[in-house]
Amino acid sequence: MYRASRTAVDTSSNTTDNDAEPHDAKPRPAEPAARQTGWRRWAMDTRPLRRPAYRRLWSSTVVTAVGSQLTAVAVPKQIYDITGSSAWVGYASLAGLLPLVVFALWGGAVADSMDRRKLLLVTNTGVAVTSLLFWIQAATGLGSVLVLMVLLALQQAFFGLNAPARTASIARLVPPEELPAANALGSTVMQVGLVAGPLLAGALIPVIGLAELYLIDALALCVTVWAVHRLPALPPLAASAARRAGLREVVAGFRYISLHKVLLLSFLADIVAMVFGMPRALFPQLASETYAPYGEGLALGLLFAAIPVGAMAGGLLSGTFSRARRHGFMVIAAVVAWGVAITGFGLSTSLWVAVAFLAAAGVADMVSMVFRGAILLSAATDEMRGRMQGVFTVVVAGGPRLADVLHGTAGSLLGARTAVVAGGLLVVATTLLLAFVTPALRRYEM
């Protein structure tokens, strides 16, 4: 499971006198950063955490990053226990994809037309109630795959509505120069969740049972609702933004992307990297063929964990890049580095060398996420940020699924390693071609 000026807002019920943020035209400008020496130059840039509103939003992500992964493990495990079929696990994934796509696009338009704090409250509450329903059906032993798929679709619909508003709100809580650091903080937490959540779920299921994983997630989401409740109000800045969120507004978002080359190219860069260069569908085949001497189970686990671990390491060392001003160049460099690392992975016959290349790809992916997110938040106007984040959510969710189909087919026809190498080289060649033909992205600076 699953980046102008500001009007004055009333925060009297949401902040205390000691930690209230000014809510005039802009977030308070960042103080000039002191020259960092020694290890501080490398460590994560934590300046956004000095801002109480952003700190609340980020802390809610810390709690739910792990909790959401408990449900992400529990749902396919329960479906497989009921059916004994991996095909049904795949069908459930597709059942969640369509509502995610539809409601992420619509949710972006909604986020641009109403107070984003209210939308976050409603959607986080909806996700929490859905997790509670997951727990009830598991605790009562209902054993219905249909119910699980309906609940999963409902959960993904709420997530689709939530994600654009959450990310679009960041630009209202920190100044522009801190956007890369804020994205690095959020992305790192999500990567920690991707690593720690499944490990924790695997350890807890034999001890407390599967049903309780849903309950833990529901309780964690209550913390999120409380943290969001304490955010300042985030109404539309422009009077014209307070309008009905319908199909016309969704289409206007796509038209806005087509007219702004930097935004369009940032989306294309991610699509190229994920569709051509995400080889996770081939991990089982590689584990059973190329890396079988190391033990199929060990190889499979290391292959799946390597990219998130690398991304997490990149986030923890984000002080090395989060202060860069040439955001467009950083995106291009990161996507090319991703393609090179994936190519190296495909050429590797040693499991440990392969894992090292995948970890390097994870670092590159973190850099790309940080600066693509910063571009989306800084290059788009506030009245369009929700819709831009809605499209971003769809690209992030849909790209890897398209890659699964492409790589699975190519792996069957050409062999797994050949398919991986070809995909990595395609990423490098296509990205360099885009950068050469359309210089808008490589020239973009904060």
Protein backbone atom coordinates (compact mmCIF):
# COMPACT_ATOMS: atom_id res chain seq x y z
CA MET A 1 0.00 0.00 0.00
CA TYR A 2 0.91 3.58 -0.50
CA ARG A 3 4.92 17.15 -3.73
CA ALA A 4 2.27 32.60 -3.36
CA SER A 5 1.17 34.13 -0.78
CA ARG A 6 -0.89 32.94 2.06
CA THR A 7 -4.01 34.39 3.60
CA ALA A 8 -4.26 34.87 7.32
CA VAL A 9 -5.83 31.96 9.14
CA ASP A 10 -7.19 31.49 12.62
CA THR A 11 -5.11 29.00 14.58
CA SER A 12 -6.24 29.84 18.07
CA SER A 13 -7.71 26.40 18.67
CA ASN A 14 -4.84 24.51 17.09
CA THR A 15 -1.59 26.00 18.41
CA THR A 16 -0.25 27.28 21.66
CA ASP A 17 1.35 30.67 22.25
CA ASN A 18 4.78 29.09 22.40
CA ASP A 19 4.75 27.21 19.12
CA ALA A 20 2.39 29.14 16.87
CA GLU A 21 3.60 29.79 13.35
CA PRO A 22 2.94 33.12 11.66
CA HIS A 23 0.21 32.74 9.06
CA ASP A 24 0.54 35.81 6.95
CA ALA A 25 1.66 35.80 3.35
CA LYS A 26 4.31 33.07 3.56
CA PRO A 27 5.88 30.60 5.95
CA ARG A 28 8.52 32.37 8.04
CA PRO A 29 11.71 32.59 5.93
CA ALA A 30 14.48 30.25 6.96
CA GLU A 31 17.43 31.76 8.74
CA PRO A 32 20.65 31.59 6.72
CA ALA A 33 22.10 28.18 7.31
CA ALA A 34 25.37 28.13 9.19
CA ARG A 35 28.26 26.54 7.39
CA GLN A 36 28.21 22.87 8.32
CA THR A 37 31.43 21.09 9.17
CA GLY A 38 32.38 17.49 9.77
CA TRP A 39 29.60 14.93 9.93
CA ARG A 40 26.89 17.63 10.01
CA ARG A 41 27.46 18.28 6.30
CA TRP A 42 26.39 14.71 5.61
CA ALA A 43 23.57 14.25 8.12
CA MET A 44 19.90 14.79 7.31
CA ASP A 45 18.79 18.41 7.17
CA THR A 46 16.28 18.76 10.00
CA ARG A 47 15.51 22.48 9.71
CA PRO A 48 11.83 21.88 8.79
CA LEU A 49 11.28 20.13 12.12
CA ARG A 50 11.83 23.47 13.88
CA ARG A 51 8.46 24.55 12.51
CA PRO A 52 5.67 23.23 14.80
CA ALA A 53 3.04 22.76 12.08
CA TYR A 54 5.34 20.75 9.81
CA ARG A 55 6.62 18.80 12.82
CA ARG A 56 3.06 17.70 13.61
CA LEU A 57 2.43 16.60 10.03
CA TRP A 58 5.75 14.73 9.93
CA SER A 59 5.24 13.08 13.32
CA SER A 60 1.91 11.70 12.14
CA THR A 61 3.74 10.16 9.19
CA VAL A 62 6.26 8.55 11.55
CA VAL A 63 3.48 6.74 13.38
CA THR A 64 1.52 5.60 10.34
CA ALA A 65 4.50 4.63 8.16
CA VAL A 66 4.95 1.44 10.17
CA GLY A 67 1.26 0.93 11.00
CA SER A 68 0.17 1.05 7.36
CA GLN A 69 2.71 -1.61 6.48
CA LEU A 70 1.20 -3.92 9.10
CA THR A 71 -2.08 -3.81 7.16
CA ALA A 72 -0.19 -4.08 3.86
CA VAL A 73 1.21 -7.41 5.09
CA ALA A 74 -1.94 -8.60 6.84
CA VAL A 75 -4.32 -8.24 3.86
CA PRO A 76 -2.44 -10.47 1.38
CA LYS A 77 -1.59 -12.92 4.17
CA GLN A 78 -5.25 -13.25 5.14
CA ILE A 79 -6.36 -13.60 1.52
CA TYR A 80 -3.80 -16.32 0.91
CA ASP A 81 -4.81 -18.11 4.12
CA ILE A 82 -8.44 -18.13 2.95
CA THR A 83 -7.88 -19.10 -0.69
CA GLY A 84 -4.47 -20.77 -0.80
CA SER A 85 -3.97 -18.92 -4.12
CA SER A 86 -1.44 -16.24 -5.01
CA ALA A 87 -3.67 -15.29 -7.94
CA TRP A 88 -6.28 -13.97 -5.51
CA VAL A 89 -3.56 -11.89 -3.82
CA GLY A 90 -2.86 -10.33 -7.22
CA TYR A 91 -6.54 -9.72 -7.89
CA ALA A 92 -6.80 -7.90 -4.55
CA SER A 93 -3.93 -5.61 -5.55
CA LEU A 94 -5.78 -4.68 -8.73
CA ALA A 95 -8.98 -4.14 -6.71
CA GLY A 96 -7.15 -1.45 -4.77
CA LEU A 97 -5.48 0.18 -7.79
CA LEU A 98 -8.57 1.51 -9.60
CA PRO A 99 -10.06 3.42 -6.64
CA LEU A 100 -6.59 4.75 -5.80
CA VAL A 101 -6.18 6.18 -9.30
CA VAL A 102 -9.70 7.63 -9.50
CA PHE A 103 -9.78 9.16 -6.04
CA ALA A 104 -6.20 10.45 -6.17
CA LEU A 105 -7.04 12.45 -9.30
CA TRP A 106 -10.33 13.66 -7.84
CA GLY A 107 -8.73 14.17 -4.41
CA GLY A 108 -6.19 16.54 -5.95
CA ALA A 109 -9.04 18.71 -7.23
CA VAL A 110 -10.77 18.53 -3.86
CA ALA A 111 -7.55 19.54 -2.09
CA ASP A 112 -7.42 22.68 -4.26
CA SER A 113 -11.02 23.66 -3.48
CA MET A 114 -11.36 23.28 0.32
CA ASP A 115 -9.44 23.58 3.56
CA ARG A 116 -6.76 20.88 3.29
CA ARG A 117 -6.68 20.39 7.04
CA LYS A 118 -10.39 19.47 7.03
CA LEU A 119 -9.85 17.09 4.12
CA LEU A 120 -6.98 15.42 5.98
CA LEU A 121 -9.15 15.05 9.08
CA VAL A 122 -11.98 13.42 7.12
CA THR A 123 -9.78 11.07 5.10
CA ASN A 124 -7.53 10.01 7.98
CA THR A 125 -10.64 9.24 10.00
CA GLY A 126 -11.96 7.21 7.07
CA VAL A 127 -8.75 5.18 6.83
CA ALA A 128 -8.84 4.57 10.60
CA VAL A 129 -12.45 3.34 10.45
CA THR A 130 -11.53 1.06 7.54
CA SER A 131 -8.66 -0.44 9.55
CA LEU A 132 -11.09 -1.01 12.42
CA LEU A 133 -13.43 -2.84 10.03
CA PHE A 134 -10.49 -4.96 8.86
CA TRP A 135 -9.91 -5.92 12.50
CA ILE A 136 -13.59 -6.75 13.13
CA GLN A 137 -13.84 -9.06 10.09
CA ALA A 138 -10.62 -10.83 11.06
CA ALA A 139 -11.48 -11.10 14.76
CA THR A 140 -14.91 -12.57 13.99
CA GLY A 141 -13.44 -15.09 11.55
CA LEU A 142 -15.65 -13.93 8.67
CA GLY A 143 -13.28 -15.40 6.08
CA SER A 144 -14.72 -13.55 3.08
CA VAL A 145 -12.37 -12.54 0.28
CA LEU A 146 -15.09 -10.31 -1.18
CA VAL A 147 -15.33 -8.33 2.08
CA LEU A 148 -11.54 -7.98 2.19
CA MET A 149 -11.42 -6.68 -1.38
CA VAL A 150 -14.23 -4.19 -0.75
CA LEU A 151 -12.50 -2.91 2.39
CA LEU A 152 -9.20 -2.67 0.52
CA ALA A 153 -10.85 -0.67 -2.27
CA LEU A 154 -12.45 1.64 0.32
CA GLN A 155 -9.14 2.10 2.11
CA GLN A 156 -7.32 2.95 -1.12
CA ALA A 157 -10.06 5.42 -2.04
CA PHE A 158 -9.53 7.27 1.26
CA PHE A 159 -5.77 7.12 0.73
CA GLY A 160 -6.18 8.55 -2.78
CA LEU A 161 -8.13 11.48 -1.34
CA ASN A 162 -5.64 11.95 1.49
CA ALA A 163 -2.25 11.82 -0.26
CA PRO A 164 -2.56 14.92 -2.50
CA ALA A 165 -3.77 17.13 0.37
CA ARG A 166 -1.04 15.88 2.71
CA THR A 167 1.83 16.56 0.32
CA ALA A 168 0.40 19.79 -1.09
CA SER A 169 0.16 21.15 2.48
CA ILE A 170 3.92 21.00 2.98
CA ALA A 171 4.53 24.11 0.86
CA ARG A 172 2.25 26.06 3.22
CA LEU A 173 4.17 24.92 6.29
CA VAL A 174 7.82 25.46 5.30
CA PRO A 175 9.59 28.09 3.14
CA PRO A 176 10.69 27.18 -0.41
CA GLU A 177 14.35 26.72 0.48
CA GLU A 178 13.43 23.98 2.96
CA LEU A 179 11.21 21.96 0.60
CA PRO A 180 13.95 19.45 -0.39
CA ALA A 181 14.77 18.86 3.28
CA ALA A 182 11.08 18.43 4.15
CA ASN A 183 10.63 15.93 1.32
CA ALA A 184 13.75 14.05 2.43
CA LEU A 185 12.39 13.80 5.98
CA GLY A 186 9.02 12.48 4.79
CA SER A 187 10.45 10.08 2.22
CA THR A 188 12.95 8.66 4.71
CA VAL A 189 10.21 7.90 7.20
CA MET A 190 8.23 6.08 4.53
CA GLN A 191 11.26 4.00 3.61
CA VAL A 192 11.81 3.13 7.28
CA GLY A 193 8.20 1.95 7.33
CA LEU A 194 8.74 -0.19 4.22
CA VAL A 195 11.63 -1.96 5.97
CA ALA A 196 10.50 -2.07 9.60
CA GLY A 197 6.76 -2.65 9.02
CA PRO A 198 6.98 -6.02 7.26
CA LEU A 199 9.69 -7.21 9.66
CA LEU A 200 7.53 -6.23 12.64
CA ALA A 201 4.46 -7.86 11.08
CA GLY A 202 6.37 -11.10 10.54
CA ALA A 203 7.48 -11.08 14.17
CA LEU A 204 4.05 -10.20 15.61
CA ILE A 205 1.78 -12.58 13.67
CA PRO A 206 2.99 -15.74 15.49
CA VAL A 207 2.75 -13.94 18.85
CA ILE A 208 -0.50 -11.91 18.78
CA GLY A 209 -2.20 -13.12 15.60
CA LEU A 210 -3.06 -11.50 12.31
CA ALA A 211 -6.23 -9.67 13.40
CA GLU A 212 -4.39 -7.54 15.94
CA LEU A 213 -2.17 -6.05 13.22
CA TYR A 214 -5.25 -4.26 11.87
CA LEU A 215 -6.08 -2.98 15.35
CA ILE A 216 -2.57 -1.61 15.85
CA ASP A 217 -2.84 0.24 12.55
CA ALA A 218 -6.23 1.69 13.57
CA LEU A 219 -4.81 2.94 16.88
CA ALA A 220 -1.81 4.47 15.11
CA LEU A 221 -4.18 6.32 12.80
CA CYS A 222 -5.89 7.86 15.84
CA VAL A 223 -2.56 9.52 16.63
CA THR A 224 -2.50 10.83 13.05
CA VAL A 225 -5.99 12.30 13.37
CA TRP A 226 -4.94 14.06 16.59
CA ALA A 227 -1.80 15.49 14.95
CA VAL A 228 -3.75 16.73 11.91
CA HIS A 229 -6.37 18.29 14.20
CA ARG A 230 -3.61 20.49 15.64
CA LEU A 231 -2.51 21.81 12.24
CA PRO A 232 -3.43 25.38 11.28
CA ALA A 233 -6.30 25.89 8.87
CA LEU A 234 -5.20 25.55 5.22
CA PRO A 235 -7.99 27.11 3.12
CA PRO A 236 -7.58 27.92 -0.60
CA LEU A 237 -5.48 31.07 -1.01
CA ALA A 238 -7.30 32.46 -4.03
CA ALA A 239 -11.01 33.25 -3.81
CA SER A 240 -11.50 31.62 -7.20
CA ALA A 241 -10.08 28.34 -5.82
CA ALA A 242 -13.12 27.82 -3.62
CA ARG A 243 -15.13 26.02 -6.24
CA ARG A 244 -16.73 22.68 -6.90
CA ALA A 245 -14.19 19.88 -7.52
CA GLY A 246 -15.44 18.10 -10.61
CA LEU A 247 -14.20 16.60 -13.84
CA ARG A 248 -13.50 20.04 -15.29
CA GLU A 249 -11.04 20.79 -12.48
CA VAL A 250 -9.31 17.42 -12.95
CA VAL A 251 -8.93 18.10 -16.68
CA ALA A 252 -7.64 21.58 -15.88
CA GLY A 253 -4.89 19.94 -13.82
CA PHE A 254 -3.71 17.89 -16.79
CA ARG A 255 -3.88 20.97 -19.01
CA TYR A 256 -1.74 22.84 -16.48
CA ILE A 257 0.88 20.07 -16.62
CA SER A 258 0.94 20.13 -20.42
CA LEU A 259 1.60 23.89 -20.40
CA HIS A 260 4.46 23.73 -17.87
CA LYS A 261 7.39 21.78 -19.28
CA VAL A 262 9.20 21.48 -15.96
CA LEU A 263 6.25 19.72 -14.34
CA LEU A 264 5.63 17.51 -17.37
CA LEU A 265 9.28 16.49 -17.56
CA SER A 266 9.45 15.71 -13.85
CA PHE A 267 6.55 13.27 -14.28
CA LEU A 268 8.12 11.78 -17.41
CA ALA A 269 11.42 11.26 -15.60
CA ASP A 270 9.69 9.23 -12.90
CA ILE A 271 7.67 7.22 -15.44
CA VAL A 272 10.85 6.40 -17.39
CA ALA A 273 12.69 5.33 -14.23
CA MET A 274 9.89 3.16 -12.88
CA VAL A 275 8.42 1.59 -16.03
CA PHE A 276 11.75 0.76 -17.69
CA GLY A 277 13.89 0.35 -14.60
CA MET A 278 11.90 -1.25 -11.76
CA PRO A 279 12.68 -5.01 -12.01
CA ARG A 280 10.92 -6.27 -8.87
CA ALA A 281 8.71 -8.65 -10.89
CA LEU A 282 11.90 -10.52 -11.83
CA PHE A 283 13.21 -10.91 -8.27
CA PRO A 284 11.63 -14.36 -7.74
CA GLN A 285 13.04 -15.65 -11.05
CA LEU A 286 16.50 -14.25 -10.29
CA ALA A 287 16.41 -15.69 -6.77
CA SER A 288 15.58 -19.17 -8.09
CA GLU A 289 17.98 -19.09 -11.06
CA THR A 290 20.92 -16.69 -10.83
CA TYR A 291 21.26 -16.54 -7.05
CA ALA A 292 20.01 -20.02 -6.12
CA PRO A 293 23.43 -21.08 -4.70
CA TYR A 294 23.02 -18.48 -1.95
CA GLY A 295 19.64 -19.89 -0.93
CA GLU A 296 16.47 -18.85 -2.71
CA GLY A 297 14.75 -17.50 0.41
CA LEU A 298 17.75 -15.42 1.49
CA ALA A 299 18.25 -14.08 -2.02
CA LEU A 300 14.61 -13.11 -2.43
CA GLY A 301 14.48 -11.30 0.90
CA LEU A 302 17.69 -9.38 0.20
CA LEU A 303 16.58 -8.36 -3.29
CA PHE A 304 13.28 -6.95 -2.05
CA ALA A 305 14.87 -5.18 0.92
CA ALA A 306 17.87 -3.67 -0.88
CA ILE A 307 16.18 -0.71 -2.61
CA PRO A 308 14.26 0.50 0.49
CA VAL A 309 17.38 0.14 2.64
CA GLY A 310 19.40 2.16 0.13
CA ALA A 311 16.69 4.83 -0.01
CA MET A 312 16.60 4.99 3.78
CA ALA A 313 20.39 5.42 3.90
CA GLY A 314 20.13 8.16 1.28
CA GLY A 315 17.56 9.95 3.41
CA LEU A 316 19.68 9.77 6.54
CA LEU A 317 22.59 11.30 4.60
CA SER A 318 20.42 13.81 2.74
CA GLY A 319 22.46 16.72 4.06
CA THR A 320 24.81 15.93 1.18
CA PHE A 321 22.24 17.00 -1.42
CA SER A 322 19.09 18.57 0.07
CA ARG A 323 20.55 22.10 -0.01
CA ALA A 324 21.28 21.95 -3.76
CA ARG A 325 19.53 24.66 -5.79
CA ARG A 326 19.64 23.05 -9.26
CA HIS A 327 16.63 20.84 -8.65
CA GLY A 328 16.10 19.88 -12.29
CA PHE A 329 19.70 18.80 -12.80
CA MET A 330 19.53 16.73 -9.60
CA VAL A 331 16.45 14.88 -10.91
CA ILE A 332 18.17 14.07 -14.21
CA ALA A 333 21.38 12.96 -12.48
CA ALA A 334 19.45 10.79 -10.02
CA VAL A 335 17.40 9.03 -12.72
CA VAL A 336 20.52 8.37 -14.80
CA ALA A 337 22.26 7.01 -11.68
CA TRP A 338 19.21 4.78 -11.08
CA GLY A 339 19.49 3.41 -14.62
CA VAL A 340 23.23 2.77 -14.25
CA ALA A 341 22.70 0.98 -10.93
CA ILE A 342 19.92 -1.20 -12.35
CA THR A 343 22.15 -2.08 -15.31
CA GLY A 344 24.90 -3.07 -12.88
CA PHE A 345 22.41 -5.18 -10.96
CA GLY A 346 21.42 -7.02 -14.12
CA LEU A 347 25.06 -7.78 -14.96
CA SER A 348 25.86 -9.09 -11.46
CA THR A 349 26.26 -12.80 -10.84
CA SER A 350 27.21 -12.31 -7.17
CA LEU A 351 24.26 -11.79 -4.83
CA TRP A 352 26.16 -9.33 -2.66
CA VAL A 353 27.25 -7.23 -5.63
CA ALA A 354 23.66 -7.30 -6.89
CA VAL A 355 22.36 -6.13 -3.51
CA ALA A 356 24.96 -3.33 -3.47
CA PHE A 357 23.79 -2.11 -6.89
CA LEU A 358 20.13 -2.22 -5.78
CA ALA A 359 21.01 -0.27 -2.64
CA ALA A 360 22.76 2.33 -4.81
CA ALA A 361 19.59 2.47 -6.92
CA GLY A 362 17.64 3.12 -3.72
CA VAL A 363 19.88 6.09 -2.90
CA ALA A 364 19.34 7.48 -6.40
CA ASP A 365 15.58 6.97 -6.05
CA MET A 366 15.59 8.94 -2.80
CA VAL A 367 17.42 11.85 -4.45
CA SER A 368 14.95 11.78 -7.34
CA MET A 369 11.94 11.70 -4.98
CA VAL A 370 13.27 14.63 -2.95
CA PHE A 371 13.82 16.95 -5.89
CA ARG A 372 10.81 15.88 -7.95
CA GLY A 373 8.68 16.59 -4.91
CA ALA A 374 10.35 19.97 -4.40
CA ILE A 375 9.77 20.90 -8.05
CA LEU A 376 6.09 19.96 -7.86
CA LEU A 377 5.62 22.08 -4.74
CA SER A 378 7.64 25.10 -5.89
CA ALA A 379 6.86 25.27 -9.63
CA ALA A 380 3.08 24.88 -9.25
CA THR A 381 0.84 27.56 -7.79
CA ASP A 382 -0.96 26.75 -4.55
CA GLU A 383 -4.33 26.49 -6.29
CA MET A 384 -2.88 23.69 -8.48
CA ARG A 385 -0.71 21.84 -5.95
CA GLY A 386 -3.41 19.40 -4.92
CA ARG A 387 -4.06 18.31 -8.50
CA MET A 388 -0.32 18.03 -9.19
CA GLN A 389 0.04 15.77 -6.15
CA GLY A 390 -2.94 13.72 -7.29
CA VAL A 391 -1.23 13.01 -10.60
CA PHE A 392 2.02 12.35 -8.71
CA THR A 393 0.24 9.75 -6.55
CA VAL A 394 -1.12 8.00 -9.64
CA VAL A 395 2.31 7.97 -11.31
CA VAL A 396 4.02 6.60 -8.19
CA ALA A 397 1.36 3.90 -7.76
CA GLY A 398 0.89 3.01 -11.40
CA GLY A 399 4.47 3.10 -12.72
CA PRO A 400 5.76 0.09 -10.76
CA ARG A 401 2.65 -1.93 -11.67
CA LEU A 402 3.21 -1.25 -15.37
CA ALA A 403 6.84 -2.22 -14.81
CA ASP A 404 5.72 -5.55 -13.32
CA VAL A 405 3.85 -6.36 -16.54
CA LEU A 406 6.67 -5.15 -18.83
CA HIS A 407 9.51 -6.85 -16.96
CA GLY A 408 7.56 -10.03 -16.34
CA THR A 409 6.85 -10.38 -20.05
CA ALA A 410 10.39 -9.42 -21.12
CA GLY A 411 11.88 -11.75 -18.53
CA SER A 412 9.91 -14.68 -19.91
CA LEU A 413 10.94 -13.91 -23.50
CA LEU A 414 14.53 -12.73 -23.10
CA GLY A 415 15.63 -14.01 -19.70
CA ALA A 416 15.60 -12.13 -16.42
CA ARG A 417 19.11 -10.65 -16.51
CA THR A 418 18.80 -9.51 -20.13
CA ALA A 419 15.48 -7.82 -19.37
CA VAL A 420 16.98 -6.00 -16.36
CA VAL A 421 20.03 -4.77 -18.27
CA ALA A 422 17.92 -3.64 -21.23
CA GLY A 423 15.61 -1.76 -18.89
CA GLY A 424 18.47 0.00 -17.11
CA LEU A 425 20.07 1.07 -20.39
CA LEU A 426 16.70 2.34 -21.64
CA VAL A 427 16.39 4.51 -18.52
CA VAL A 428 19.81 6.07 -19.10
CA ALA A 429 19.33 6.63 -22.84
CA THR A 430 15.77 7.98 -22.59
CA THR A 431 16.58 10.33 -19.70
CA LEU A 432 19.63 11.79 -21.44
CA LEU A 433 17.59 12.23 -24.61
CA LEU A 434 14.84 14.08 -22.70
CA ALA A 435 17.42 16.30 -21.01
CA PHE A 436 19.06 17.13 -24.35
CA VAL A 437 15.89 17.73 -26.37
CA THR A 438 14.01 19.70 -23.69
CA PRO A 439 16.43 21.70 -21.51
CA ALA A 440 13.71 23.20 -19.27
CA LEU A 441 14.17 20.56 -16.59
CA ARG A 442 17.96 20.55 -16.41
CA ARG A 443 17.97 24.37 -16.18
CA TYR A 444 15.34 24.58 -13.45
CA GLU A 445 16.62 26.09 -10.18
CA MET A 446 14.86 26.87 -6.93
